[in-house]
Amino acid sequence: MRKFGDELQRQLDENNMKVKKGVMQDATFITSDPGHSPADKPRGPEAKTRRNKEGTWAKKGGKSHFGYKLHIKTDIDHGLIRAVETTPANVHNSQIDLSEPGEVVYRDRGYFGAPCKGYNATMDRNVRGHKNNHSGKKCATKESPVKRAP
């Protein structure tokens, strides 16, 4: 799958289909069979289960999900998928950055506090003791940290 994505990106670049307006990043759950078995079945290494071993549990909006998260970065100009990453469901969105240097990245509040390599246009979230100014901000780096208004 990675080779396919790399080849697609190469062809887009070759035809001068560059990202100009920015990219959107979001995630969705990919559900997997949790493999519940009856209480009288053995547990441990000898257990026979259909449970996916790499999937994990996560909650969103009071609903539990078992499986994975699919993180996608989409080009605003052409609506094309530019990057994809799959993680266990319990990995928080703020841990995933698909941006490239120089890109404007639009993300929902689930990515608040996430690092980025370009211009961060992530939706702000209310933080106790801080005013929510709803404006874009350049991502913090070690050389130039971004200071938030108190």
N, C-alpha and C. Protein backbone atom coordinates (compact mmCIF):
# COMPACT_ATOMS: atom_id res chain seq x y z
N MET A 1 0.83 -1.20 0.00
CA MET A 1 0.00 0.00 0.00
C MET A 1 0.87 1.26 0.00
N ARG A 2 1.98 1.21 0.75
CA ARG A 2 2.87 2.37 0.84
C ARG A 2 3.46 2.68 -0.54
N LYS A 3 3.86 1.65 -1.30
CA LYS A 3 4.44 1.86 -2.63
C LYS A 3 3.42 2.52 -3.56
N PHE A 4 2.16 2.10 -3.44
CA PHE A 4 1.10 2.69 -4.26
C PHE A 4 0.96 4.18 -3.95
N GLY A 5 0.93 4.52 -2.67
CA GLY A 5 0.80 5.92 -2.26
C GLY A 5 1.98 6.76 -2.71
N ASP A 6 3.18 6.20 -2.60
CA ASP A 6 4.38 6.93 -3.03
C ASP A 6 4.35 7.18 -4.54
N GLU A 7 3.93 6.17 -5.30
CA GLU A 7 3.85 6.32 -6.76
C GLU A 7 2.79 7.35 -7.14
N LEU A 8 1.63 7.31 -6.48
CA LEU A 8 0.58 8.29 -6.75
C LEU A 8 1.09 9.70 -6.47
N GLN A 9 1.76 9.87 -5.34
CA GLN A 9 2.29 11.19 -4.98
C GLN A 9 3.32 11.65 -6.00
N ARG A 10 4.16 10.76 -6.48
CA ARG A 10 5.17 11.10 -7.49
C ARG A 10 4.49 11.60 -8.77
N GLN A 11 3.42 10.90 -9.19
CA GLN A 11 2.72 11.29 -10.41
C GLN A 11 2.00 12.63 -10.23
N LEU A 12 1.44 12.87 -9.06
CA LEU A 12 0.78 14.15 -8.79
C LEU A 12 1.80 15.28 -8.86
N ASP A 13 2.96 15.07 -8.24
CA ASP A 13 4.01 16.09 -8.28
C ASP A 13 4.51 16.32 -9.70
N GLU A 14 4.65 15.23 -10.46
CA GLU A 14 5.12 15.32 -11.85
C GLU A 14 4.16 16.14 -12.71
N ASN A 15 2.86 16.05 -12.43
CA ASN A 15 1.85 16.80 -13.17
C ASN A 15 1.52 18.14 -12.53
N ASN A 16 2.39 18.58 -11.61
CA ASN A 16 2.28 19.87 -10.95
C ASN A 16 0.98 20.04 -10.16
N MET A 17 0.47 18.97 -9.58
CA MET A 17 -0.72 19.05 -8.73
C MET A 17 -0.25 19.18 -7.28
N LYS A 18 0.19 20.36 -6.95
CA LYS A 18 0.74 20.65 -5.62
C LYS A 18 -0.36 21.09 -4.67
N VAL A 19 -0.09 20.95 -3.38
CA VAL A 19 -1.00 21.45 -2.35
C VAL A 19 -0.80 22.96 -2.27
N LYS A 20 -1.87 23.72 -2.48
CA LYS A 20 -1.76 25.17 -2.45
C LYS A 20 -2.57 25.77 -1.31
N LYS A 21 -3.80 25.29 -1.10
CA LYS A 21 -4.67 25.87 -0.08
C LYS A 21 -4.50 25.21 1.27
N GLY A 22 -4.00 24.01 1.31
CA GLY A 22 -3.81 23.32 2.57
C GLY A 22 -4.34 21.91 2.54
N VAL A 23 -4.28 21.27 3.70
CA VAL A 23 -4.73 19.89 3.84
C VAL A 23 -5.62 19.76 5.07
N MET A 24 -6.50 18.76 5.05
CA MET A 24 -7.33 18.44 6.20
C MET A 24 -6.87 17.10 6.73
N GLN A 25 -6.83 16.95 8.05
CA GLN A 25 -6.48 15.69 8.67
C GLN A 25 -7.59 15.28 9.62
N ASP A 26 -8.00 14.02 9.54
CA ASP A 26 -9.03 13.51 10.43
C ASP A 26 -8.84 12.01 10.62
N ALA A 27 -9.57 11.44 11.55
CA ALA A 27 -9.45 10.02 11.85
C ALA A 27 -10.83 9.39 11.95
N THR A 28 -10.89 8.09 11.71
CA THR A 28 -12.12 7.32 11.85
C THR A 28 -11.77 5.97 12.45
N PHE A 29 -12.74 5.36 13.13
CA PHE A 29 -12.52 4.04 13.70
C PHE A 29 -12.70 2.96 12.64
N ILE A 30 -11.86 1.95 12.70
CA ILE A 30 -12.02 0.73 11.91
C ILE A 30 -12.29 -0.35 12.93
N THR A 31 -13.52 -0.85 12.96
CA THR A 31 -13.87 -1.83 13.99
C THR A 31 -13.38 -3.22 13.62
N SER A 32 -13.06 -3.99 14.64
CA SER A 32 -12.58 -5.35 14.48
C SER A 32 -13.33 -6.23 15.47
N ASP A 33 -13.33 -7.51 15.25
CA ASP A 33 -14.02 -8.45 16.13
C ASP A 33 -13.31 -8.53 17.48
N PRO A 34 -13.98 -8.16 18.59
CA PRO A 34 -13.35 -8.23 19.89
C PRO A 34 -13.16 -9.67 20.38
N GLY A 35 -13.84 -10.63 19.76
CA GLY A 35 -13.62 -12.05 20.07
C GLY A 35 -14.09 -12.47 21.43
N HIS A 36 -15.23 -12.00 21.87
CA HIS A 36 -15.75 -12.41 23.17
C HIS A 36 -16.04 -13.91 23.16
N SER A 37 -15.70 -14.58 24.24
CA SER A 37 -16.01 -16.00 24.34
C SER A 37 -16.72 -16.25 25.67
N PRO A 38 -17.44 -17.35 25.78
CA PRO A 38 -18.18 -17.65 27.01
C PRO A 38 -17.25 -17.76 28.23
N ALA A 39 -17.80 -17.55 29.42
CA ALA A 39 -17.02 -17.55 30.65
C ALA A 39 -16.38 -18.91 30.94
N ASP A 40 -16.97 -20.01 30.45
CA ASP A 40 -16.40 -21.33 30.74
C ASP A 40 -15.26 -21.73 29.80
N LYS A 41 -14.94 -20.90 28.85
CA LYS A 41 -13.82 -21.17 27.93
C LYS A 41 -12.51 -20.80 28.62
N PRO A 42 -11.42 -21.53 28.32
CA PRO A 42 -10.13 -21.21 28.95
C PRO A 42 -9.58 -19.87 28.46
N ARG A 43 -8.86 -19.18 29.33
CA ARG A 43 -8.20 -17.92 28.99
C ARG A 43 -6.71 -18.14 29.03
N GLY A 44 -5.94 -17.29 28.45
CA GLY A 44 -4.49 -17.41 28.48
C GLY A 44 -3.97 -17.96 27.17
N PRO A 45 -2.73 -18.49 27.16
CA PRO A 45 -2.09 -18.93 25.93
C PRO A 45 -2.83 -20.07 25.23
N GLU A 46 -3.53 -20.94 26.02
CA GLU A 46 -4.23 -22.08 25.42
C GLU A 46 -5.61 -21.71 24.88
N ALA A 47 -6.03 -20.49 25.08
CA ALA A 47 -7.36 -20.07 24.63
C ALA A 47 -7.43 -20.00 23.12
N LYS A 48 -8.52 -20.50 22.58
CA LYS A 48 -8.80 -20.39 21.15
C LYS A 48 -9.75 -19.20 21.01
N THR A 49 -9.30 -18.15 20.34
CA THR A 49 -10.12 -16.96 20.20
C THR A 49 -9.96 -16.37 18.81
N ARG A 50 -10.97 -15.72 18.34
CA ARG A 50 -10.89 -15.06 17.04
C ARG A 50 -10.53 -13.59 17.20
N ARG A 51 -10.23 -13.19 18.43
CA ARG A 51 -9.93 -11.79 18.72
C ARG A 51 -8.68 -11.31 17.97
N ASN A 52 -8.78 -10.12 17.43
CA ASN A 52 -7.66 -9.50 16.77
C ASN A 52 -6.65 -9.10 17.85
N LYS A 53 -5.42 -9.56 17.75
CA LYS A 53 -4.42 -9.34 18.80
C LYS A 53 -3.89 -7.91 18.88
N GLU A 54 -3.88 -7.17 17.76
CA GLU A 54 -3.31 -5.81 17.77
C GLU A 54 -4.35 -4.73 18.04
N GLY A 55 -5.63 -5.04 17.88
CA GLY A 55 -6.67 -4.04 18.12
C GLY A 55 -6.77 -3.68 19.59
N THR A 56 -7.27 -2.47 19.86
CA THR A 56 -7.44 -2.02 21.24
C THR A 56 -8.81 -1.35 21.39
N TRP A 57 -9.20 -1.12 22.65
CA TRP A 57 -10.47 -0.47 22.95
C TRP A 57 -10.27 1.04 23.06
N ALA A 58 -11.28 1.78 22.61
CA ALA A 58 -11.30 3.24 22.77
C ALA A 58 -12.76 3.66 22.92
N LYS A 59 -12.96 4.79 23.60
CA LYS A 59 -14.31 5.32 23.78
C LYS A 59 -14.40 6.68 23.11
N LYS A 60 -15.53 6.92 22.43
CA LYS A 60 -15.81 8.22 21.85
C LYS A 60 -17.30 8.48 21.99
N GLY A 61 -17.63 9.58 22.60
CA GLY A 61 -19.04 9.93 22.78
C GLY A 61 -19.80 8.89 23.59
N GLY A 62 -19.13 8.26 24.56
CA GLY A 62 -19.78 7.26 25.40
C GLY A 62 -19.92 5.90 24.76
N LYS A 63 -19.47 5.74 23.52
CA LYS A 63 -19.58 4.47 22.83
C LYS A 63 -18.20 3.83 22.70
N SER A 64 -18.11 2.54 23.02
CA SER A 64 -16.84 1.82 22.95
C SER A 64 -16.61 1.24 21.55
N HIS A 65 -15.38 1.31 21.11
CA HIS A 65 -14.97 0.78 19.80
C HIS A 65 -13.77 -0.13 20.01
N PHE A 66 -13.73 -1.28 19.33
CA PHE A 66 -12.57 -2.16 19.37
C PHE A 66 -11.98 -2.23 17.97
N GLY A 67 -10.68 -2.02 17.87
CA GLY A 67 -10.04 -2.13 16.56
C GLY A 67 -8.94 -1.12 16.39
N TYR A 68 -9.06 -0.31 15.35
CA TYR A 68 -8.00 0.60 14.91
C TYR A 68 -8.56 1.97 14.58
N LYS A 69 -7.64 2.94 14.36
CA LYS A 69 -8.01 4.25 13.85
C LYS A 69 -7.27 4.46 12.54
N LEU A 70 -7.98 4.99 11.57
CA LEU A 70 -7.41 5.34 10.28
C LEU A 70 -7.29 6.86 10.22
N HIS A 71 -6.06 7.35 10.14
CA HIS A 71 -5.79 8.78 10.07
C HIS A 71 -5.52 9.12 8.61
N ILE A 72 -6.22 10.13 8.08
CA ILE A 72 -6.10 10.49 6.67
C ILE A 72 -5.84 11.98 6.53
N LYS A 73 -4.91 12.32 5.62
CA LYS A 73 -4.65 13.71 5.26
C LYS A 73 -5.13 13.89 3.83
N THR A 74 -6.06 14.85 3.63
CA THR A 74 -6.67 15.09 2.32
C THR A 74 -6.31 16.47 1.81
N ASP A 75 -5.99 16.56 0.54
CA ASP A 75 -5.67 17.80 -0.15
C ASP A 75 -6.95 18.61 -0.36
N ILE A 76 -6.98 19.85 0.09
CA ILE A 76 -8.17 20.70 -0.07
C ILE A 76 -8.37 21.09 -1.54
N ASP A 77 -7.29 21.32 -2.27
CA ASP A 77 -7.38 21.75 -3.66
C ASP A 77 -8.05 20.72 -4.56
N HIS A 78 -7.64 19.46 -4.45
CA HIS A 78 -8.09 18.43 -5.38
C HIS A 78 -8.93 17.32 -4.72
N GLY A 79 -9.02 17.32 -3.38
CA GLY A 79 -9.78 16.29 -2.67
C GLY A 79 -9.11 14.93 -2.69
N LEU A 80 -7.80 14.90 -2.91
CA LEU A 80 -7.07 13.64 -2.98
C LEU A 80 -6.45 13.29 -1.64
N ILE A 81 -6.40 12.01 -1.34
CA ILE A 81 -5.75 11.53 -0.12
C ILE A 81 -4.25 11.64 -0.33
N ARG A 82 -3.57 12.36 0.57
CA ARG A 82 -2.13 12.59 0.46
C ARG A 82 -1.32 11.74 1.43
N ALA A 83 -1.92 11.32 2.54
CA ALA A 83 -1.20 10.48 3.50
C ALA A 83 -2.20 9.68 4.32
N VAL A 84 -1.80 8.47 4.72
CA VAL A 84 -2.64 7.57 5.51
C VAL A 84 -1.78 6.92 6.59
N GLU A 85 -2.33 6.79 7.78
CA GLU A 85 -1.65 6.05 8.84
C GLU A 85 -2.70 5.31 9.66
N THR A 86 -2.40 4.07 10.02
CA THR A 86 -3.30 3.25 10.83
C THR A 86 -2.63 3.02 12.19
N THR A 87 -3.40 3.21 13.26
CA THR A 87 -2.90 2.99 14.62
C THR A 87 -3.92 2.17 15.39
N PRO A 88 -3.52 1.60 16.54
CA PRO A 88 -4.52 0.98 17.42
C PRO A 88 -5.53 2.05 17.85
N ALA A 89 -6.75 1.64 18.15
CA ALA A 89 -7.83 2.59 18.45
C ALA A 89 -7.54 3.49 19.64
N ASN A 90 -6.73 3.02 20.59
CA ASN A 90 -6.49 3.82 21.79
C ASN A 90 -5.44 4.91 21.63
N VAL A 91 -4.80 5.03 20.47
CA VAL A 91 -3.85 6.10 20.22
C VAL A 91 -4.63 7.39 19.97
N HIS A 92 -4.35 8.41 20.78
CA HIS A 92 -5.09 9.67 20.68
C HIS A 92 -4.69 10.41 19.41
N ASN A 93 -5.65 11.11 18.81
CA ASN A 93 -5.40 11.87 17.58
C ASN A 93 -4.24 12.84 17.72
N SER A 94 -4.07 13.42 18.91
CA SER A 94 -3.02 14.41 19.11
C SER A 94 -1.62 13.82 19.00
N GLN A 95 -1.50 12.51 18.90
CA GLN A 95 -0.19 11.86 18.77
C GLN A 95 0.21 11.67 17.31
N ILE A 96 -0.68 11.97 16.37
CA ILE A 96 -0.44 11.70 14.96
C ILE A 96 -0.35 13.01 14.18
N ASP A 97 0.75 13.18 13.46
CA ASP A 97 0.95 14.35 12.61
C ASP A 97 1.32 13.87 11.21
N LEU A 98 0.45 14.13 10.25
CA LEU A 98 0.71 13.73 8.87
C LEU A 98 1.16 14.92 8.01
N SER A 99 1.32 16.09 8.62
CA SER A 99 1.65 17.29 7.85
C SER A 99 3.09 17.27 7.37
N GLU A 100 3.34 18.09 6.34
CA GLU A 100 4.67 18.29 5.78
C GLU A 100 5.06 19.74 6.03
N PRO A 101 6.37 20.05 6.07
CA PRO A 101 6.79 21.44 6.26
C PRO A 101 6.18 22.35 5.20
N GLY A 102 5.66 23.50 5.64
CA GLY A 102 5.09 24.48 4.73
C GLY A 102 3.61 24.30 4.44
N GLU A 103 2.98 23.21 4.85
CA GLU A 103 1.55 22.99 4.60
C GLU A 103 0.70 23.68 5.66
N VAL A 104 -0.47 24.15 5.25
CA VAL A 104 -1.48 24.62 6.19
C VAL A 104 -2.32 23.41 6.54
N VAL A 105 -2.42 23.09 7.84
CA VAL A 105 -3.10 21.87 8.28
C VAL A 105 -4.35 22.23 9.07
N TYR A 106 -5.52 21.82 8.55
CA TYR A 106 -6.80 22.03 9.22
C TYR A 106 -7.19 20.72 9.91
N ARG A 107 -7.42 20.79 11.23
CA ARG A 107 -7.78 19.60 12.00
C ARG A 107 -8.84 19.99 13.03
N ASP A 108 -9.62 18.99 13.49
CA ASP A 108 -10.62 19.27 14.51
C ASP A 108 -9.98 19.31 15.89
N ARG A 109 -10.81 19.56 16.91
CA ARG A 109 -10.30 19.73 18.28
C ARG A 109 -9.61 18.50 18.84
N GLY A 110 -9.87 17.32 18.27
CA GLY A 110 -9.21 16.11 18.74
C GLY A 110 -7.71 16.16 18.57
N TYR A 111 -7.22 17.02 17.69
CA TYR A 111 -5.79 17.16 17.45
C TYR A 111 -5.17 18.32 18.22
N PHE A 112 -5.95 18.97 19.08
CA PHE A 112 -5.45 20.10 19.86
C PHE A 112 -4.20 19.68 20.63
N GLY A 113 -3.14 20.46 20.51
CA GLY A 113 -1.89 20.17 21.20
C GLY A 113 -0.97 19.24 20.42
N ALA A 114 -1.43 18.77 19.27
CA ALA A 114 -0.60 17.87 18.46
C ALA A 114 0.53 18.64 17.81
N PRO A 115 1.68 18.01 17.66
CA PRO A 115 2.76 18.68 16.94
C PRO A 115 2.43 18.76 15.46
N CYS A 116 3.02 19.69 14.76
CA CYS A 116 2.86 19.76 13.31
C CYS A 116 4.11 20.37 12.71
N LYS A 117 4.28 20.15 11.42
CA LYS A 117 5.49 20.62 10.74
C LYS A 117 5.22 21.88 9.91
N GLY A 118 3.96 22.24 9.72
CA GLY A 118 3.62 23.40 8.90
C GLY A 118 2.89 24.45 9.71
N TYR A 119 1.93 25.14 9.08
CA TYR A 119 1.11 26.14 9.75
C TYR A 119 -0.07 25.42 10.38
N ASN A 120 -0.23 25.53 11.67
CA ASN A 120 -1.23 24.80 12.43
C ASN A 120 -2.56 25.56 12.44
N ALA A 121 -3.57 25.04 11.73
CA ALA A 121 -4.90 25.64 11.73
C ALA A 121 -5.88 24.72 12.45
N THR A 122 -5.37 23.99 13.47
CA THR A 122 -6.20 23.10 14.27
C THR A 122 -7.20 23.92 15.08
N MET A 123 -8.44 23.44 15.19
CA MET A 123 -9.45 24.13 16.00
C MET A 123 -8.98 24.19 17.45
N ASP A 124 -9.14 25.35 18.07
CA ASP A 124 -8.78 25.49 19.47
C ASP A 124 -9.81 24.80 20.35
N ARG A 125 -9.37 24.46 21.53
CA ARG A 125 -10.23 23.84 22.53
C ARG A 125 -10.11 24.68 23.79
N ASN A 126 -11.19 24.79 24.52
CA ASN A 126 -11.14 25.55 25.76
C ASN A 126 -10.21 24.86 26.75
N VAL A 127 -9.34 25.64 27.35
CA VAL A 127 -8.41 25.15 28.36
C VAL A 127 -8.64 25.98 29.61
N ARG A 128 -8.79 25.32 30.74
CA ARG A 128 -9.07 26.02 31.99
C ARG A 128 -8.04 27.12 32.24
N GLY A 129 -8.52 28.32 32.49
CA GLY A 129 -7.64 29.44 32.81
C GLY A 129 -7.09 30.17 31.60
N HIS A 130 -7.46 29.76 30.38
CA HIS A 130 -6.96 30.41 29.17
C HIS A 130 -8.13 30.82 28.28
N LYS A 131 -7.99 31.98 27.68
CA LYS A 131 -9.01 32.47 26.77
C LYS A 131 -8.86 31.75 25.42
N ASN A 132 -9.97 31.35 24.81
CA ASN A 132 -9.95 30.68 23.51
C ASN A 132 -10.05 31.75 22.44
N ASN A 133 -8.94 31.96 21.67
CA ASN A 133 -8.94 33.05 20.69
C ASN A 133 -9.30 32.60 19.27
N HIS A 134 -9.46 31.30 19.02
CA HIS A 134 -9.90 30.75 17.73
C HIS A 134 -9.09 31.26 16.54
N SER A 135 -7.81 31.47 16.70
CA SER A 135 -7.01 31.91 15.55
C SER A 135 -5.93 30.88 15.26
N GLY A 136 -5.51 30.81 14.01
CA GLY A 136 -4.44 29.90 13.62
C GLY A 136 -3.13 30.36 14.25
N LYS A 137 -2.21 29.43 14.36
CA LYS A 137 -0.92 29.77 14.94
C LYS A 137 0.15 28.90 14.32
N LYS A 138 1.34 29.45 14.21
CA LYS A 138 2.46 28.69 13.69
C LYS A 138 2.85 27.66 14.73
N CYS A 139 3.19 26.47 14.30
CA CYS A 139 3.55 25.40 15.22
C CYS A 139 4.80 25.76 16.00
N ALA A 140 4.84 25.31 17.23
CA ALA A 140 5.99 25.57 18.09
C ALA A 140 7.16 24.70 17.67
N THR A 141 8.34 25.27 17.74
CA THR A 141 9.56 24.51 17.52
C THR A 141 10.47 24.78 18.69
N LYS A 142 11.57 24.06 18.78
CA LYS A 142 12.52 24.29 19.87
C LYS A 142 13.12 25.68 19.79
N GLU A 143 13.29 26.19 18.55
CA GLU A 143 13.89 27.51 18.37
C GLU A 143 12.91 28.64 18.67
N SER A 144 11.63 28.47 18.32
CA SER A 144 10.67 29.56 18.50
C SER A 144 9.36 29.02 19.08
N PRO A 145 9.27 28.88 20.40
CA PRO A 145 8.05 28.36 21.01
C PRO A 145 6.89 29.35 20.86
N VAL A 146 5.69 28.82 20.68
CA VAL A 146 4.50 29.64 20.58
C VAL A 146 3.99 29.89 21.99
N LYS A 147 3.72 31.16 22.31
CA LYS A 147 3.21 31.49 23.64
C LYS A 147 1.72 31.72 23.53
N ARG A 148 0.96 31.11 24.42
CA ARG A 148 -0.49 31.27 24.44
C ARG A 148 -0.85 32.41 25.38
N ALA A 149 -1.89 33.13 25.05
CA ALA A 149 -2.37 34.23 25.90
C ALA A 149 -2.92 33.68 27.20
N PRO A 150 -2.63 34.29 28.33
CA PRO A 150 -3.17 33.78 29.63
C PRO A 150 -4.65 34.01 29.75
